[in-house]
Protein backbone atom coordinates (compact mmCIF):
# COMPACT_ATOMS: atom_id res chain seq x y z
CA ALA A 1 0.00 0.00 0.00
CA VAL A 2 1.28 3.44 -0.88
CA LEU A 3 0.59 6.09 1.74
CA THR A 4 -0.15 9.72 1.03
CA GLY A 5 -0.26 12.65 3.37
CA CYS A 6 -4.05 12.46 3.64
CA GLY A 7 -4.05 15.81 5.42
CA LEU A 8 -2.74 14.28 8.64
CA THR A 9 -0.52 16.71 10.50
CA GLY A 10 -0.04 15.07 13.88
CA ASN A 11 -1.60 16.24 17.13
CA ALA A 12 -3.09 19.69 17.20
CA ALA A 13 -3.63 21.56 20.43
CA THR A 14 -7.38 21.02 20.51
CA GLY A 15 -8.95 18.69 23.03
CA ALA A 16 -10.45 16.55 20.28
CA GLU A 17 -7.06 16.01 18.68
CA ASN A 18 -5.45 15.28 22.04
CA MET A 19 -7.93 12.45 22.56
CA THR A 20 -7.22 10.97 19.12
CA ILE A 21 -4.64 8.23 18.59
CA LYS A 22 -3.50 7.60 15.03
CA LEU A 23 -1.89 4.24 14.27
CA ILE A 24 -0.36 2.64 11.17
CA VAL A 25 -0.34 -1.16 11.38
CA THR A 26 0.56 -4.03 9.08
CA GLU A 27 -2.10 -6.38 7.73
CA SER A 28 -1.10 -9.55 9.56
CA ALA A 29 -2.92 -11.36 12.36
CA PRO A 30 -0.45 -10.74 15.25
CA TYR A 31 -0.61 -7.01 14.47
CA GLN A 32 -4.13 -6.49 13.18
CA GLU A 33 -6.12 -8.51 15.70
CA PRO A 34 -4.46 -7.10 18.87
CA THR A 35 -4.92 -3.63 17.38
CA LYS A 36 -8.66 -4.19 16.97
CA ILE A 37 -8.88 -5.33 20.59
CA ALA A 38 -6.79 -2.40 21.84
CA GLN A 39 -8.97 -0.03 19.81
CA LYS A 40 -12.10 -1.24 21.61
CA VAL A 41 -10.39 -0.87 24.98
CA LEU A 42 -9.30 2.68 24.18
CA GLU A 43 -12.66 3.72 22.79
CA SER A 44 -14.35 2.47 25.96
CA GLU A 45 -12.08 4.91 27.81
CA GLY A 46 -13.07 7.86 25.65
CA TRP A 47 -10.27 7.82 23.06
CA GLU A 48 -10.84 8.08 19.33
CA VAL A 49 -8.61 5.62 17.49
CA GLN A 50 -7.81 5.93 13.79
CA VAL A 51 -6.00 2.96 12.24
CA LYS A 52 -4.45 2.63 8.79
CA TYR A 53 -3.71 -0.99 7.80
CA VAL A 54 -0.95 -1.48 5.23
CA THR A 55 1.31 -4.13 3.73
CA ASP A 56 4.22 -1.77 3.13
CA ILE A 57 7.19 -2.02 5.54
CA VAL A 58 8.90 1.24 4.51
CA GLN A 59 6.32 3.98 4.95
CA PRO A 60 5.14 3.29 8.54
CA ASN A 61 8.34 4.58 10.15
CA LEU A 62 8.47 7.57 7.82
CA ALA A 63 4.82 8.35 8.55
CA VAL A 64 5.48 8.37 12.31
CA ALA A 65 8.66 10.40 11.92
CA ASN A 66 6.87 13.15 10.01
CA GLY A 67 3.95 13.28 12.42
CA GLU A 68 1.20 11.74 10.30
CA TYR A 69 0.69 9.00 12.88
CA ASP A 70 1.37 8.70 16.60
CA ALA A 71 2.73 5.16 16.46
CA ASN A 72 3.19 2.13 14.26
CA TYR A 73 3.06 -1.60 14.89
CA PHE A 74 4.63 -3.80 12.20
CA GLN A 75 8.32 -4.47 12.95
CA HIS A 76 10.82 -5.93 15.35
CA ALA A 77 13.44 -3.92 17.20
CA SER A 78 16.33 -4.89 14.92
CA TYR A 79 14.51 -3.74 11.78
CA LEU A 80 13.61 -0.47 13.51
CA ALA A 81 17.21 0.15 14.54
CA GLN A 82 18.55 -0.51 11.04
CA PHE A 83 15.83 1.51 9.31
CA THR A 84 16.17 4.59 11.50
CA LYS A 85 19.94 4.50 11.04
CA ASP A 86 19.69 4.19 7.26
CA LYS A 87 17.04 6.90 6.92
CA ASP A 88 18.35 9.13 9.72
CA ILE A 89 14.97 9.50 11.41
CA ASP A 90 14.03 9.66 15.09
CA VAL A 91 11.65 6.80 15.85
CA GLU A 92 12.15 4.39 18.73
CA THR A 93 10.59 1.48 20.58
CA ALA A 94 7.71 2.67 22.75
CA PHE A 95 7.00 -0.77 24.21
CA TYR A 96 7.23 -4.47 23.41
CA MET A 97 4.47 -6.63 21.97
CA TYR A 98 5.52 -10.17 21.03
CA GLY A 99 8.69 -12.17 20.56
CA SER A 100 9.50 -13.57 17.13
CA PRO A 101 12.16 -16.27 17.49
CA GLY A 102 13.03 -18.39 14.49
CA GLY A 103 14.82 -21.51 13.44
CA LEU A 104 16.23 -23.55 10.62
CA TYR A 105 13.65 -26.02 9.30
CA SER A 106 13.82 -28.73 6.66
CA GLN A 107 11.36 -30.95 4.85
CA LYS A 108 14.18 -33.15 3.56
CA HIS A 109 16.50 -33.71 6.53
CA LYS A 110 15.84 -34.57 10.17
CA THR A 111 19.07 -33.33 11.75
CA ILE A 112 21.61 -30.64 11.02
CA ASP A 113 24.25 -33.35 10.46
CA GLU A 114 22.25 -34.65 7.48
CA LEU A 115 22.80 -31.46 5.49
CA PRO A 116 24.69 -32.61 2.38
CA GLN A 117 27.73 -31.08 0.75
CA GLY A 118 26.57 -28.11 -1.29
CA ALA A 119 23.29 -27.81 0.62
CA LYS A 120 20.98 -24.96 -0.35
CA ILE A 121 19.53 -22.88 2.47
CA ALA A 122 16.91 -20.12 2.19
CA ILE A 123 17.40 -17.07 4.41
CA PRO A 124 15.61 -13.70 4.72
CA VAL A 125 16.83 -11.09 2.25
CA ASP A 126 16.37 -8.07 4.54
CA PRO A 127 19.51 -7.01 6.45
CA ALA A 128 17.80 -7.06 9.86
CA ASN A 129 17.10 -10.82 9.59
CA ASN A 130 19.75 -11.90 7.10
CA GLY A 131 22.28 -13.17 9.61
CA ARG A 132 20.02 -15.17 11.89
CA ALA A 133 20.45 -18.51 10.10
CA LEU A 134 24.18 -17.86 9.75
CA ALA A 135 24.46 -17.32 13.50
CA LEU A 136 22.60 -20.56 14.19
CA LEU A 137 24.83 -22.51 11.79
CA ALA A 138 27.94 -20.98 13.30
CA LYS A 139 26.82 -21.88 16.81
CA ALA A 140 26.27 -25.47 15.62
CA GLY A 141 29.77 -25.58 14.11
CA VAL A 142 28.59 -25.82 10.50
CA LEU A 143 30.07 -22.44 9.58
CA LYS A 144 32.71 -20.13 10.98
CA VAL A 145 31.77 -16.45 10.96
CA ASP A 146 33.26 -13.21 12.20
CA GLU A 147 32.60 -13.39 15.94
CA ASN A 148 33.00 -9.64 16.26
CA LYS A 149 29.71 -9.14 14.41
CA SER A 150 26.44 -9.26 16.33
CA VAL A 151 23.60 -11.23 14.77
CA ILE A 152 21.84 -8.04 13.68
CA HIS A 153 24.81 -7.05 11.51
CA LEU A 154 25.88 -10.51 10.31
CA SER A 155 25.76 -11.30 6.58
CA GLN A 156 27.25 -13.72 4.06
CA ASN A 157 30.23 -11.36 3.77
CA ASP A 158 31.18 -12.39 7.31
CA ILE A 159 31.46 -16.14 6.58
CA LEU A 160 35.08 -17.16 7.20
CA GLU A 161 34.80 -20.92 6.71
CA ASN A 162 32.13 -22.95 4.91
CA PRO A 163 33.43 -26.53 4.73
CA LYS A 164 30.14 -27.96 3.42
CA GLY A 165 30.02 -25.42 0.59
CA ILE A 166 26.53 -24.33 1.61
CA SER A 167 24.87 -21.86 -0.76
CA PHE A 168 22.30 -19.37 0.48
CA THR A 169 19.21 -18.18 -1.34
CA GLU A 170 17.94 -14.83 -0.09
CA VAL A 171 14.16 -14.43 -0.31
CA ASP A 172 11.46 -12.13 1.01
CA GLN A 173 10.27 -12.93 4.54
CA GLN A 174 6.77 -13.96 3.51
CA SER A 175 8.16 -16.27 0.79
CA LEU A 176 10.35 -18.32 3.13
CA SER A 177 7.69 -20.94 3.86
CA LYS A 178 6.86 -21.26 0.15
CA THR A 179 10.55 -21.77 -0.64
CA LEU A 180 11.09 -24.50 1.96
CA PRO A 181 10.19 -27.48 -0.30
CA ASP A 182 12.75 -26.38 -2.88
CA VAL A 183 15.79 -26.13 -0.58
CA ASP A 184 17.58 -28.36 1.89
CA ALA A 185 16.63 -26.07 4.74
CA GLY A 186 15.24 -22.62 5.36
CA PHE A 187 15.01 -20.07 8.13
CA LEU A 188 11.45 -19.51 9.33
CA PHE A 189 10.02 -17.23 11.98
CA VAL A 190 8.18 -19.28 14.58
CA ARG A 191 4.82 -17.96 13.33
CA LEU A 192 5.51 -19.00 9.73
CA GLY A 193 6.65 -22.41 10.92
CA ALA A 194 3.49 -22.81 13.00
CA GLU A 195 1.34 -21.98 9.98
CA LEU A 196 2.92 -25.03 8.29
CA GLY A 197 2.25 -27.16 11.35
CA LEU A 198 5.89 -26.99 12.51
CA THR A 199 6.92 -26.37 16.11
CA PRO A 200 10.30 -25.24 17.49
CA GLN A 201 10.93 -28.89 18.33
CA ASP A 202 10.74 -29.72 14.61
CA ALA A 203 13.54 -27.29 13.75
CA LEU A 204 17.06 -28.47 12.95
CA LEU A 205 18.27 -25.46 14.95
CA PHE A 206 16.26 -22.91 16.93
CA GLU A 207 17.17 -19.58 18.50
CA GLU A 208 17.57 -19.34 22.25
CA ASP A 209 15.99 -16.41 24.08
CA ALA A 210 19.18 -14.32 23.99
CA ASP A 211 19.59 -14.93 20.25
CA ALA A 212 16.04 -13.76 19.55
CA LEU A 213 16.23 -10.71 21.82
CA PRO A 214 16.69 -8.10 19.05
CA PHE A 215 13.72 -9.57 17.19
CA ILE A 216 10.94 -8.74 19.64
CA CYS A 217 8.14 -6.98 17.74
CA VAL A 218 7.40 -3.51 19.00
CA VAL A 219 5.10 -0.52 18.90
CA ALA A 220 7.27 2.39 17.78
CA ALA A 221 6.82 6.15 18.09
CA LYS A 222 8.78 9.37 18.40
CA PRO A 223 11.07 9.70 21.44
CA GLY A 224 9.13 10.58 24.58
CA PHE A 225 5.76 9.30 23.32
CA ALA A 226 5.74 6.32 25.69
CA GLU A 227 5.81 8.68 28.70
CA THR A 228 2.81 10.74 27.56
CA GLU A 229 -0.78 10.13 28.66
CA LYS A 230 -1.56 8.98 25.13
CA GLY A 231 1.43 6.64 25.06
CA LYS A 232 0.58 5.09 28.42
CA ALA A 233 -3.05 4.58 27.41
CA LEU A 234 -1.94 2.90 24.18
CA GLN A 235 0.46 0.58 26.00
CA ASN A 236 -2.15 -0.38 28.60
CA ALA A 237 -4.62 -1.23 25.84
CA TYR A 238 -2.16 -3.23 23.75
CA GLN A 239 -0.96 -5.09 26.84
CA SER A 240 -4.42 -5.60 28.32
CA ASP A 241 -5.78 -8.92 29.56
CA GLU A 242 -7.90 -9.14 26.42
CA VAL A 243 -4.85 -8.91 24.17
CA ARG A 244 -2.92 -11.32 26.37
CA THR A 245 -5.73 -13.85 25.97
CA TRP A 246 -5.63 -13.44 22.19
CA PHE A 247 -1.91 -14.24 22.09
CA LYS A 248 -2.40 -17.29 24.32
CA GLU A 249 -5.01 -18.63 21.91
CA TYR A 250 -3.22 -17.74 18.65
CA ILE A 251 -1.56 -20.87 17.22
CA ASP A 252 -1.51 -22.46 20.69
CA GLY A 253 0.38 -19.54 22.22
CA VAL A 254 3.45 -19.92 19.99
CA LEU A 255 4.30 -16.20 20.26
CA PRO A 256 5.76 -15.06 23.61
CA THR A 257 4.75 -11.68 25.06
CA PRO A 258 7.79 -10.31 26.94
CA TRP A 259 6.01 -7.25 28.30
CA ASP A 260 8.04 -7.11 31.52
CA ARG A 261 11.32 -6.49 29.68
CA ASP A 262 12.92 -3.05 29.38
CA PRO A 263 13.50 -2.11 25.70
CA VAL A 264 16.10 0.51 26.60
CA ALA A 265 18.21 -1.92 28.65
CA ASP A 266 17.83 -4.63 26.02
CA ARG A 267 18.98 -2.34 23.24
CA LYS A 268 22.19 -1.63 25.13
CA THR A 269 22.73 -5.39 25.45
CA TRP A 270 22.26 -6.51 21.86
CA ASP A 271 23.60 -3.44 20.09
CA SER A 272 26.92 -3.40 21.95
């Protein structure tokens, strides 16, 4: 979806505008459904909530940065960090929503040791997720990579040793599950794996909590928004009991909700 200005200019000083929350959210169940629930909670408290649902992953941060929307909900913390650095904009994590760990899955092999010489592995094309499979393979001893690179900055350029001659096919996130039958293995987010009937226990390799830390999905806004009355109301609605129940019921609770973690402290940990 291509966004236009639509006459939105952020929050005016009027009372009506101050009680309006404008959100831009991706069209995907873990984002869209909690947003609908949060919207009802907020409206019951007297807020007006305007939501724009999109499929684009570029415009939401730009739209928040220029004041068209108060907050967005479509990305994990690593993508946000890379995007804001590349575009030189000031948008940050307001609060956490759900964790998005991932793993290396295969429909052809049952263990990582079964990967053949010259195996083909599908990995996400976007820089924020590109190195996750490489980090898993390095931890398992299949590859040797530059240990000075954190997982959020790791890429194929950092592979130092590849004794199996593994080749990597970079594909769009949403195409990873479709690509799985055509490769020896592929990296899937836990949600995409679950949609294929796969659990973390089915993975050849799966991220531990610390590995997946930069990939917690967030609600993002301009600096300071989280401390405002509007920001606190939005967080309380998104992290309400009703939303918690939805996550527990979605694909048997496969998505963790690490709401007690501190995004600021975590960022210092994984971006060091």
